[in-house]
Amino acid sequence: MLMLSPLMKWLGLALITLVPSGLLWLQNRSYQVEIEQLKSHLIQSQTSVDQQRSVIEQLKKHNAESTRLYAERLQREQAKRKALKAERLFYQNALADETCYQRPWPDAVIERLHQPY
């Protein structure tokens, strides 16, 4: 049987306990570095998401304003068309009774209208 000196036993015991402890410490340290990197990435992602939300809100407001303006313009356009139609009908009815409006135009006037300017 092989007899080891007490110093060798102590060194062997120290190696058996320190090597796994050192490996665990190194692994723990690498995990801590990875956690810090992930935290940094998370902060950057949150900042990006906040900026994108801000842009989305601005676009929603712009879209709502554009829709409102379009609806107002459409209402004004419809009111103008209705007023013009009523005015045209009024003048047509007023001219329907006029005798000069009912007569055909003289040939000289029609020839003049066909000539280039």
N, C-alpha and C. Protein backbone atom coordinates (compact mmCIF):
# COMPACT_ATOMS: atom_id res chain seq x y z
N MET A 1 0.82 -1.16 0.00
CA MET A 1 0.00 0.00 0.00
C MET A 1 0.87 1.22 0.00
N LEU A 2 0.40 2.21 -0.69
CA LEU A 2 1.17 3.43 -0.84
C LEU A 2 0.85 4.35 0.30
N MET A 3 1.87 4.85 0.96
CA MET A 3 1.70 5.74 2.10
C MET A 3 2.00 7.16 1.63
N LEU A 4 1.08 8.04 1.88
CA LEU A 4 1.27 9.43 1.51
C LEU A 4 1.61 10.24 2.74
N SER A 5 2.41 11.21 2.51
CA SER A 5 2.78 12.07 3.64
C SER A 5 1.60 12.97 3.96
N PRO A 6 1.56 13.49 5.18
CA PRO A 6 0.45 14.36 5.56
C PRO A 6 0.36 15.60 4.66
N LEU A 7 1.49 16.07 4.20
CA LEU A 7 1.47 17.23 3.31
C LEU A 7 0.79 16.88 1.99
N MET A 8 1.08 15.72 1.46
CA MET A 8 0.47 15.28 0.21
C MET A 8 -1.03 15.07 0.39
N LYS A 9 -1.41 14.53 1.54
CA LYS A 9 -2.83 14.34 1.81
C LYS A 9 -3.53 15.70 1.87
N TRP A 10 -2.86 16.63 2.53
CA TRP A 10 -3.46 17.96 2.66
C TRP A 10 -3.58 18.64 1.29
N LEU A 11 -2.54 18.52 0.46
CA LEU A 11 -2.57 19.10 -0.89
C LEU A 11 -3.64 18.42 -1.74
N GLY A 12 -3.77 17.14 -1.64
CA GLY A 12 -4.79 16.41 -2.39
C GLY A 12 -6.18 16.84 -1.99
N LEU A 13 -6.39 16.97 -0.68
CA LEU A 13 -7.68 17.41 -0.18
C LEU A 13 -7.97 18.84 -0.62
N ALA A 14 -6.96 19.68 -0.58
CA ALA A 14 -7.12 21.07 -1.01
C ALA A 14 -7.48 21.13 -2.49
N LEU A 15 -6.81 20.32 -3.31
CA LEU A 15 -7.10 20.31 -4.74
C LEU A 15 -8.52 19.80 -5.01
N ILE A 16 -8.90 18.77 -4.27
CA ILE A 16 -10.24 18.19 -4.48
C ILE A 16 -11.32 19.22 -4.14
N THR A 17 -11.09 20.06 -3.16
CA THR A 17 -12.12 21.05 -2.78
C THR A 17 -11.98 22.36 -3.54
N LEU A 18 -10.76 22.79 -3.83
CA LEU A 18 -10.57 24.10 -4.47
C LEU A 18 -10.86 24.08 -5.97
N VAL A 19 -10.53 23.02 -6.66
CA VAL A 19 -10.75 22.97 -8.11
C VAL A 19 -12.24 23.08 -8.44
N PRO A 20 -13.11 22.28 -7.83
CA PRO A 20 -14.54 22.45 -8.14
C PRO A 20 -15.07 23.82 -7.70
N SER A 21 -14.55 24.31 -6.56
CA SER A 21 -14.98 25.63 -6.11
C SER A 21 -14.57 26.71 -7.10
N GLY A 22 -13.36 26.60 -7.60
CA GLY A 22 -12.88 27.57 -8.60
C GLY A 22 -13.68 27.50 -9.89
N LEU A 23 -13.98 26.28 -10.31
CA LEU A 23 -14.78 26.12 -11.53
C LEU A 23 -16.18 26.71 -11.34
N LEU A 24 -16.75 26.47 -10.18
CA LEU A 24 -18.07 27.05 -9.89
C LEU A 24 -18.02 28.57 -9.87
N TRP A 25 -16.94 29.11 -9.30
CA TRP A 25 -16.79 30.57 -9.25
C TRP A 25 -16.68 31.14 -10.67
N LEU A 26 -15.89 30.49 -11.54
CA LEU A 26 -15.75 30.95 -12.92
C LEU A 26 -17.08 30.87 -13.67
N GLN A 27 -17.80 29.78 -13.45
CA GLN A 27 -19.09 29.64 -14.11
C GLN A 27 -20.07 30.70 -13.61
N ASN A 28 -20.06 30.96 -12.31
CA ASN A 28 -20.92 31.98 -11.72
C ASN A 28 -20.58 33.35 -12.31
N ARG A 29 -19.29 33.63 -12.45
CA ARG A 29 -18.85 34.91 -13.00
C ARG A 29 -19.31 35.06 -14.46
N SER A 30 -19.22 34.00 -15.23
CA SER A 30 -19.67 34.08 -16.63
C SER A 30 -21.18 34.29 -16.70
N TYR A 31 -21.93 33.69 -15.77
CA TYR A 31 -23.37 33.92 -15.72
C TYR A 31 -23.68 35.36 -15.35
N GLN A 32 -22.90 35.92 -14.43
CA GLN A 32 -23.11 37.32 -14.05
C GLN A 32 -22.86 38.26 -15.23
N VAL A 33 -21.83 37.99 -16.01
CA VAL A 33 -21.54 38.80 -17.19
C VAL A 33 -22.69 38.68 -18.20
N GLU A 34 -23.17 37.46 -18.38
CA GLU A 34 -24.28 37.25 -19.31
C GLU A 34 -25.54 37.97 -18.83
N ILE A 35 -25.79 37.95 -17.54
CA ILE A 35 -26.95 38.64 -16.97
C ILE A 35 -26.84 40.14 -17.22
N GLU A 36 -25.66 40.70 -17.03
CA GLU A 36 -25.45 42.13 -17.26
C GLU A 36 -25.68 42.48 -18.73
N GLN A 37 -25.21 41.63 -19.62
CA GLN A 37 -25.42 41.86 -21.05
C GLN A 37 -26.91 41.80 -21.39
N LEU A 38 -27.61 40.85 -20.81
CA LEU A 38 -29.04 40.73 -21.06
C LEU A 38 -29.81 41.92 -20.50
N LYS A 39 -29.39 42.41 -19.33
CA LYS A 39 -30.03 43.60 -18.76
C LYS A 39 -29.84 44.80 -19.69
N SER A 40 -28.63 44.95 -20.20
CA SER A 40 -28.35 46.05 -21.13
C SER A 40 -29.20 45.93 -22.39
N HIS A 41 -29.30 44.73 -22.91
CA HIS A 41 -30.12 44.49 -24.10
C HIS A 41 -31.59 44.78 -23.81
N LEU A 42 -32.06 44.41 -22.62
CA LEU A 42 -33.44 44.67 -22.23
C LEU A 42 -33.72 46.17 -22.17
N ILE A 43 -32.80 46.92 -21.60
CA ILE A 43 -32.97 48.37 -21.51
C ILE A 43 -33.04 48.98 -22.91
N GLN A 44 -32.16 48.54 -23.80
CA GLN A 44 -32.17 49.05 -25.18
C GLN A 44 -33.49 48.69 -25.87
N SER A 45 -33.96 47.49 -25.64
CA SER A 45 -35.21 47.05 -26.26
C SER A 45 -36.39 47.86 -25.73
N GLN A 46 -36.40 48.12 -24.43
CA GLN A 46 -37.48 48.90 -23.85
C GLN A 46 -37.48 50.33 -24.40
N THR A 47 -36.30 50.90 -24.57
CA THR A 47 -36.19 52.24 -25.14
C THR A 47 -36.73 52.25 -26.57
N SER A 48 -36.37 51.24 -27.33
CA SER A 48 -36.85 51.13 -28.71
C SER A 48 -38.37 50.98 -28.75
N VAL A 49 -38.90 50.17 -27.87
CA VAL A 49 -40.35 49.97 -27.82
C VAL A 49 -41.05 51.27 -27.44
N ASP A 50 -40.51 52.01 -26.48
CA ASP A 50 -41.09 53.29 -26.09
C ASP A 50 -41.10 54.28 -27.25
N GLN A 51 -40.01 54.32 -28.00
CA GLN A 51 -39.94 55.22 -29.16
C GLN A 51 -40.97 54.81 -30.21
N GLN A 52 -41.09 53.51 -30.43
CA GLN A 52 -42.06 53.03 -31.43
C GLN A 52 -43.49 53.33 -30.99
N ARG A 53 -43.77 53.19 -29.71
CA ARG A 53 -45.11 53.52 -29.20
C ARG A 53 -45.40 55.00 -29.40
N SER A 54 -44.40 55.83 -29.15
CA SER A 54 -44.57 57.27 -29.35
C SER A 54 -44.89 57.58 -30.81
N VAL A 55 -44.17 56.95 -31.71
CA VAL A 55 -44.43 57.17 -33.15
C VAL A 55 -45.82 56.69 -33.52
N ILE A 56 -46.22 55.54 -32.99
CA ILE A 56 -47.56 55.01 -33.28
C ILE A 56 -48.63 55.96 -32.79
N GLU A 57 -48.46 56.51 -31.59
CA GLU A 57 -49.44 57.46 -31.05
C GLU A 57 -49.52 58.72 -31.92
N GLN A 58 -48.37 59.21 -32.36
CA GLN A 58 -48.36 60.38 -33.24
C GLN A 58 -49.08 60.08 -34.55
N LEU A 59 -48.84 58.90 -35.10
CA LEU A 59 -49.50 58.53 -36.34
C LEU A 59 -51.02 58.36 -36.15
N LYS A 60 -51.42 57.83 -35.01
CA LYS A 60 -52.85 57.70 -34.73
C LYS A 60 -53.51 59.08 -34.65
N LYS A 61 -52.84 60.02 -33.97
CA LYS A 61 -53.38 61.38 -33.87
C LYS A 61 -53.46 62.03 -35.25
N HIS A 62 -52.42 61.85 -36.04
CA HIS A 62 -52.40 62.43 -37.38
C HIS A 62 -53.51 61.82 -38.23
N ASN A 63 -53.71 60.52 -38.12
CA ASN A 63 -54.76 59.84 -38.87
C ASN A 63 -56.14 60.34 -38.46
N ALA A 64 -56.36 60.50 -37.16
CA ALA A 64 -57.65 61.00 -36.67
C ALA A 64 -57.89 62.42 -37.18
N GLU A 65 -56.86 63.25 -37.14
CA GLU A 65 -57.00 64.63 -37.62
C GLU A 65 -57.28 64.65 -39.12
N SER A 66 -56.59 63.82 -39.88
CA SER A 66 -56.81 63.75 -41.33
C SER A 66 -58.23 63.27 -41.63
N THR A 67 -58.70 62.30 -40.89
CA THR A 67 -60.06 61.80 -41.08
C THR A 67 -61.09 62.88 -40.78
N ARG A 68 -60.85 63.63 -39.70
CA ARG A 68 -61.77 64.72 -39.34
C ARG A 68 -61.79 65.78 -40.43
N LEU A 69 -60.61 66.18 -40.91
CA LEU A 69 -60.53 67.19 -41.96
C LEU A 69 -61.21 66.71 -43.25
N TYR A 70 -61.01 65.44 -43.57
CA TYR A 70 -61.64 64.89 -44.77
C TYR A 70 -63.16 64.93 -44.64
N ALA A 71 -63.68 64.57 -43.48
CA ALA A 71 -65.13 64.58 -43.27
C ALA A 71 -65.67 66.00 -43.39
N GLU A 72 -64.95 66.98 -42.83
CA GLU A 72 -65.38 68.37 -42.94
C GLU A 72 -65.38 68.83 -44.39
N ARG A 73 -64.33 68.51 -45.12
CA ARG A 73 -64.25 68.91 -46.53
C ARG A 73 -65.36 68.25 -47.35
N LEU A 74 -65.63 67.01 -47.05
CA LEU A 74 -66.69 66.30 -47.76
C LEU A 74 -68.04 66.95 -47.51
N GLN A 75 -68.30 67.33 -46.26
CA GLN A 75 -69.57 68.00 -45.93
C GLN A 75 -69.67 69.34 -46.65
N ARG A 76 -68.56 70.11 -46.66
CA ARG A 76 -68.58 71.40 -47.36
C ARG A 76 -68.82 71.20 -48.86
N GLU A 77 -68.16 70.21 -49.43
CA GLU A 77 -68.31 69.93 -50.85
C GLU A 77 -69.76 69.54 -51.17
N GLN A 78 -70.35 68.71 -50.34
CA GLN A 78 -71.74 68.30 -50.57
C GLN A 78 -72.69 69.49 -50.44
N ALA A 79 -72.42 70.36 -49.46
CA ALA A 79 -73.26 71.55 -49.29
C ALA A 79 -73.12 72.48 -50.50
N LYS A 80 -71.89 72.64 -51.01
CA LYS A 80 -71.68 73.49 -52.20
C LYS A 80 -72.41 72.91 -53.41
N ARG A 81 -72.29 71.60 -53.60
CA ARG A 81 -72.96 70.97 -54.73
C ARG A 81 -74.48 71.13 -54.64
N LYS A 82 -75.00 70.98 -53.44
CA LYS A 82 -76.44 71.12 -53.24
C LYS A 82 -76.87 72.56 -53.54
N ALA A 83 -76.08 73.53 -53.07
CA ALA A 83 -76.41 74.93 -53.31
C ALA A 83 -76.31 75.26 -54.80
N LEU A 84 -75.28 74.76 -55.48
CA LEU A 84 -75.13 75.01 -56.91
C LEU A 84 -76.26 74.37 -57.71
N LYS A 85 -76.66 73.18 -57.31
CA LYS A 85 -77.76 72.51 -58.00
C LYS A 85 -79.06 73.30 -57.84
N ALA A 86 -79.30 73.79 -56.62
CA ALA A 86 -80.50 74.59 -56.38
C ALA A 86 -80.45 75.89 -57.17
N GLU A 87 -79.27 76.52 -57.22
CA GLU A 87 -79.13 77.77 -57.97
C GLU A 87 -79.34 77.53 -59.47
N ARG A 88 -78.75 76.48 -60.00
CA ARG A 88 -78.92 76.15 -61.42
C ARG A 88 -80.39 75.88 -61.75
N LEU A 89 -81.05 75.14 -60.87
CA LEU A 89 -82.47 74.85 -61.07
C LEU A 89 -83.30 76.13 -61.03
N PHE A 90 -82.93 77.04 -60.11
CA PHE A 90 -83.63 78.32 -60.01
C PHE A 90 -83.50 79.10 -61.32
N TYR A 91 -82.29 79.19 -61.85
CA TYR A 91 -82.08 79.94 -63.09
C TYR A 91 -82.73 79.25 -64.29
N GLN A 92 -82.70 77.95 -64.32
CA GLN A 92 -83.37 77.24 -65.41
C GLN A 92 -84.87 77.52 -65.40
N ASN A 93 -85.44 77.50 -64.20
CA ASN A 93 -86.87 77.79 -64.09
C ASN A 93 -87.17 79.24 -64.44
N ALA A 94 -86.27 80.14 -64.04
CA ALA A 94 -86.48 81.56 -64.35
C ALA A 94 -86.37 81.80 -65.85
N LEU A 95 -85.44 81.14 -66.52
CA LEU A 95 -85.25 81.34 -67.96
C LEU A 95 -86.25 80.56 -68.80
N ALA A 96 -86.90 79.60 -68.23
CA ALA A 96 -87.85 78.79 -68.99
C ALA A 96 -89.00 79.63 -69.52
N ASP A 97 -89.34 80.69 -68.80
CA ASP A 97 -90.46 81.54 -69.21
C ASP A 97 -90.03 82.65 -70.17
N GLU A 98 -88.75 82.90 -70.30
CA GLU A 98 -88.27 83.97 -71.17
C GLU A 98 -88.36 83.53 -72.63
N THR A 99 -88.92 84.39 -73.45
CA THR A 99 -89.10 84.05 -74.86
C THR A 99 -87.79 84.06 -75.62
N CYS A 100 -86.88 84.96 -75.27
CA CYS A 100 -85.61 85.01 -76.00
C CYS A 100 -84.76 83.78 -75.72
N TYR A 101 -84.96 83.18 -74.59
CA TYR A 101 -84.20 81.98 -74.24
C TYR A 101 -84.73 80.77 -75.00
N GLN A 102 -85.99 80.80 -75.34
CA GLN A 102 -86.62 79.68 -76.01
C GLN A 102 -86.36 79.68 -77.52
N ARG A 103 -85.99 80.83 -78.08
CA ARG A 103 -85.76 80.91 -79.53
C ARG A 103 -84.38 80.38 -79.87
N PRO A 104 -84.20 79.81 -81.07
CA PRO A 104 -82.86 79.40 -81.48
C PRO A 104 -82.01 80.62 -81.80
N TRP A 105 -80.75 80.47 -81.67
CA TRP A 105 -79.84 81.59 -81.93
C TRP A 105 -79.73 81.81 -83.43
N PRO A 106 -79.42 83.02 -83.80
CA PRO A 106 -79.26 83.30 -85.24
C PRO A 106 -78.05 82.57 -85.79
N ASP A 107 -78.07 82.28 -87.08
CA ASP A 107 -76.97 81.55 -87.73
C ASP A 107 -75.65 82.29 -87.63
N ALA A 108 -75.68 83.59 -87.70
CA ALA A 108 -74.44 84.39 -87.62
C ALA A 108 -73.76 84.19 -86.27
N VAL A 109 -74.55 84.11 -85.22
CA VAL A 109 -73.98 83.92 -83.88
C VAL A 109 -73.36 82.53 -83.77
N ILE A 110 -74.02 81.53 -84.28
CA ILE A 110 -73.50 80.16 -84.21
C ILE A 110 -72.22 80.04 -85.03
N GLU A 111 -72.20 80.68 -86.22
CA GLU A 111 -70.97 80.65 -87.03
C GLU A 111 -69.82 81.33 -86.29
N ARG A 112 -70.12 82.42 -85.66
CA ARG A 112 -69.08 83.15 -84.91
C ARG A 112 -68.55 82.29 -83.75
N LEU A 113 -69.42 81.56 -83.10
CA LEU A 113 -69.00 80.70 -81.98
C LEU A 113 -68.13 79.54 -82.47
N HIS A 114 -68.31 79.10 -83.68
CA HIS A 114 -67.50 78.00 -84.21
C HIS A 114 -66.12 78.45 -84.65
N GLN A 115 -65.92 79.73 -84.83
CA GLN A 115 -64.63 80.24 -85.30
C GLN A 115 -63.60 80.18 -84.17
N PRO A 116 -62.31 79.95 -84.53
CA PRO A 116 -61.27 79.95 -83.49
C PRO A 116 -61.04 81.36 -82.95
N TYR A 117 -60.51 81.44 -81.79
CA TYR A 117 -60.26 82.74 -81.17
C TYR A 117 -59.04 83.39 -81.73
